[in-house]
Protein backbone atom coordinates (compact mmCIF):
# COMPACT_ATOMS: atom_id res chain seq x y z
CA MET A 1 -0.27 -0.13 -0.09
CA GLU A 2 1.75 3.30 -1.04
CA LYS A 3 2.18 5.81 1.91
CA LEU A 4 1.15 9.47 1.32
CA GLY A 5 4.02 12.09 1.93
CA LEU A 6 3.44 15.04 3.90
CA VAL A 7 0.33 15.73 5.75
CA GLN A 8 -3.01 15.80 3.14
CA ILE A 9 -6.20 17.36 4.05
CA ALA A 10 -9.52 15.82 3.16
CA ALA A 11 -13.02 16.34 3.37
CA SER A 12 -16.28 13.89 3.98
CA LEU A 13 -20.04 14.89 3.83
CA ALA A 14 -22.46 13.17 5.91
CA LEU A 15 -26.40 13.30 3.80
CA PHE A 16 -28.86 12.85 6.35
CA VAL A 17 -32.60 12.67 5.51
CA SER A 18 -34.46 13.54 8.03
CA GLU A 19 -38.07 11.73 6.57
CA ASP A 20 -36.62 8.22 7.30
CA ASN A 21 -33.49 8.82 9.41
CA THR A 22 -31.12 7.43 6.74
CA LEU A 23 -27.67 8.50 5.27
CA LEU A 24 -26.29 8.18 1.91
CA MET A 25 -23.03 6.68 2.18
CA ILE A 26 -20.40 4.87 0.29
CA LYS A 27 -19.03 0.79 0.17
CA ARG A 28 -15.52 0.96 -0.61
CA ARG A 29 -14.33 -0.96 -3.41
CA TRP A 30 -10.69 -0.86 -2.99
CA ASP A 31 -8.14 -0.78 0.32
CA PRO A 32 -7.78 0.72 2.55
CA TYR A 33 -11.09 -0.55 4.18
CA LYS A 34 -12.33 -2.48 1.13
CA ASP A 35 -16.00 -3.33 1.61
CA LYS A 36 -16.47 -0.92 4.52
CA LEU A 37 -19.00 1.79 4.51
CA ALA A 38 -17.75 5.36 4.69
CA PHE A 39 -18.82 8.64 4.47
CA PRO A 40 -18.03 10.02 0.73
CA GLY A 41 -15.29 12.00 0.60
CA GLY A 42 -11.68 12.50 -0.46
CA PHE A 43 -8.62 14.76 -1.23
CA MET A 44 -8.50 18.51 -1.13
CA GLU A 45 -7.27 19.44 -4.66
CA SER A 46 -4.41 22.21 -3.28
CA GLY A 47 -4.52 25.71 -4.76
CA LYS A 48 -7.68 24.63 -6.77
CA GLU A 49 -10.42 24.74 -4.08
CA ASP A 50 -11.21 25.44 -0.43
CA ILE A 51 -12.41 22.59 2.01
CA PHE A 52 -16.34 23.10 1.14
CA GLN A 53 -15.51 22.84 -2.54
CA THR A 54 -13.94 19.63 -1.72
CA SER A 55 -16.39 18.46 0.02
CA VAL A 56 -19.12 18.96 -2.59
CA ARG A 57 -16.82 17.84 -5.53
CA GLU A 58 -16.01 14.80 -3.71
CA PHE A 59 -19.43 13.88 -2.94
CA TYR A 60 -20.68 14.38 -6.10
CA GLU A 61 -17.78 11.92 -7.79
CA GLU A 62 -18.84 9.13 -5.35
CA THR A 63 -22.78 9.61 -5.44
CA GLY A 64 -23.64 11.18 -8.44
CA VAL A 65 -25.65 13.56 -6.31
CA HIS A 66 -25.21 17.63 -6.37
CA ILE A 67 -24.90 19.34 -3.23
CA GLU A 68 -24.64 23.30 -3.02
CA LYS A 69 -21.83 24.65 -0.80
CA ASP A 70 -24.54 26.68 1.08
CA GLN A 71 -26.14 23.51 2.00
CA ILE A 72 -23.50 22.19 4.17
CA SER A 73 -22.49 23.06 7.80
CA LEU A 74 -19.17 22.15 9.45
CA LEU A 75 -19.32 19.01 11.21
CA ASP A 76 -16.05 18.23 13.06
CA ILE A 77 -12.47 17.72 12.08
CA ARG A 78 -10.55 14.45 12.70
CA SER A 79 -6.86 14.66 12.73
CA ASN A 80 -5.25 11.44 14.37
CA PRO A 81 -2.16 10.42 12.76
CA SER A 82 -3.07 6.92 12.89
CA ARG A 83 -6.81 7.54 11.41
CA ASP A 84 -5.47 6.77 7.77
CA PRO A 85 -3.01 3.74 7.19
CA ARG A 86 -1.87 5.55 4.02
CA GLY A 87 -0.26 8.63 6.07
CA HIS A 88 -1.43 11.48 8.03
CA VAL A 89 -4.84 12.72 6.79
CA ILE A 90 -6.76 15.31 8.47
CA ASP A 91 -10.44 15.07 7.52
CA VAL A 92 -12.82 17.83 7.89
CA GLY A 93 -16.59 16.78 8.18
CA PHE A 94 -19.32 18.04 6.92
CA LEU A 95 -23.24 17.77 7.23
CA CYS A 96 -26.04 18.27 4.83
CA VAL A 97 -30.02 17.52 6.29
CA VAL A 98 -32.51 17.03 3.76
CA PRO A 99 -35.88 16.10 4.29
CA LYS A 100 -36.62 13.59 1.64
CA PRO A 101 -34.20 10.83 -0.42
CA ILE A 102 -32.55 12.16 -3.25
CA LYS A 103 -32.24 9.71 -6.21
CA ILE A 104 -28.93 8.44 -6.74
CA VAL A 105 -28.27 8.92 -10.33
CA GLU A 106 -24.50 6.85 -10.91
CA VAL A 107 -22.04 4.66 -9.21
CA THR A 108 -18.47 5.14 -9.85
CA ASP A 109 -15.37 2.87 -10.20
CA GLU A 110 -14.22 3.52 -6.63
CA THR A 111 -17.48 3.18 -4.50
CA TRP A 112 -21.08 1.78 -4.27
CA PRO A 113 -23.44 4.62 -3.06
CA VAL A 114 -26.01 2.97 -0.51
CA TRP A 115 -28.95 4.33 1.70
CA VAL A 116 -28.35 3.10 5.28
CA PRO A 117 -30.57 3.70 8.25
CA ILE A 118 -28.40 5.50 10.77
CA ASP A 119 -29.47 3.39 13.80
CA GLU A 120 -28.12 0.39 11.86
CA ILE A 121 -24.74 1.36 11.62
CA VAL A 122 -22.23 -0.25 14.15
CA PRO A 123 -18.11 0.72 14.73
CA ASP A 124 -17.04 -2.62 12.59
CA ASP A 125 -19.12 -1.43 9.60
CA LEU A 126 -17.40 1.68 8.96
CA ALA A 127 -13.74 2.60 7.69
CA PHE A 128 -11.16 5.29 8.83
CA ASP A 129 -12.58 6.94 12.12
CA HIS A 130 -15.73 7.44 10.34
CA TYR A 131 -17.77 5.94 13.84
CA ASP A 132 -16.35 9.09 14.98
CA MET A 133 -18.15 11.52 12.44
CA LEU A 134 -21.24 9.36 12.76
CA GLU A 135 -21.34 10.09 16.63
CA SER A 136 -21.05 13.96 15.52
CA VAL A 137 -23.68 13.57 13.09
CA LYS A 138 -26.00 11.95 15.69
CA SER A 139 -25.47 14.48 18.12
CA ARG A 140 -25.93 17.44 16.04
CA ILE A 141 -29.43 15.83 14.29
CA GLN A 142 -30.41 15.40 17.92
CA LYS A 143 -30.49 19.41 18.44
CA LEU A 144 -32.15 20.04 15.03
């Protein structure tokens, strides 16, 4: 497995549907964490975008669903040096809450988008430290 060089910045986006308490997640096709669930996300294109743009771009690339920057809010930041086996990755989590499910229009070569009931997700289901992000999502939606 290839190690990344310097610290990398990434963004992940949780799309929560209030009507049915589901999250749009991805099932990873490749290592690390092959076949595990994750929040859609990926690495910032340095010098080309801000972290909000990274979040919506990666979400679209991995789910085919377009979200606007003004629909998302900062959720958390996870920066444990061991959170990603490829190297030190700081991940900025975002949240988007919508009332009704959104149609998934495409599947990518790297991921399978899936709707997952929020109360059925257990720690062993998730890649990276995304269970920590899930806990942040749960905490935030309880306040809505």
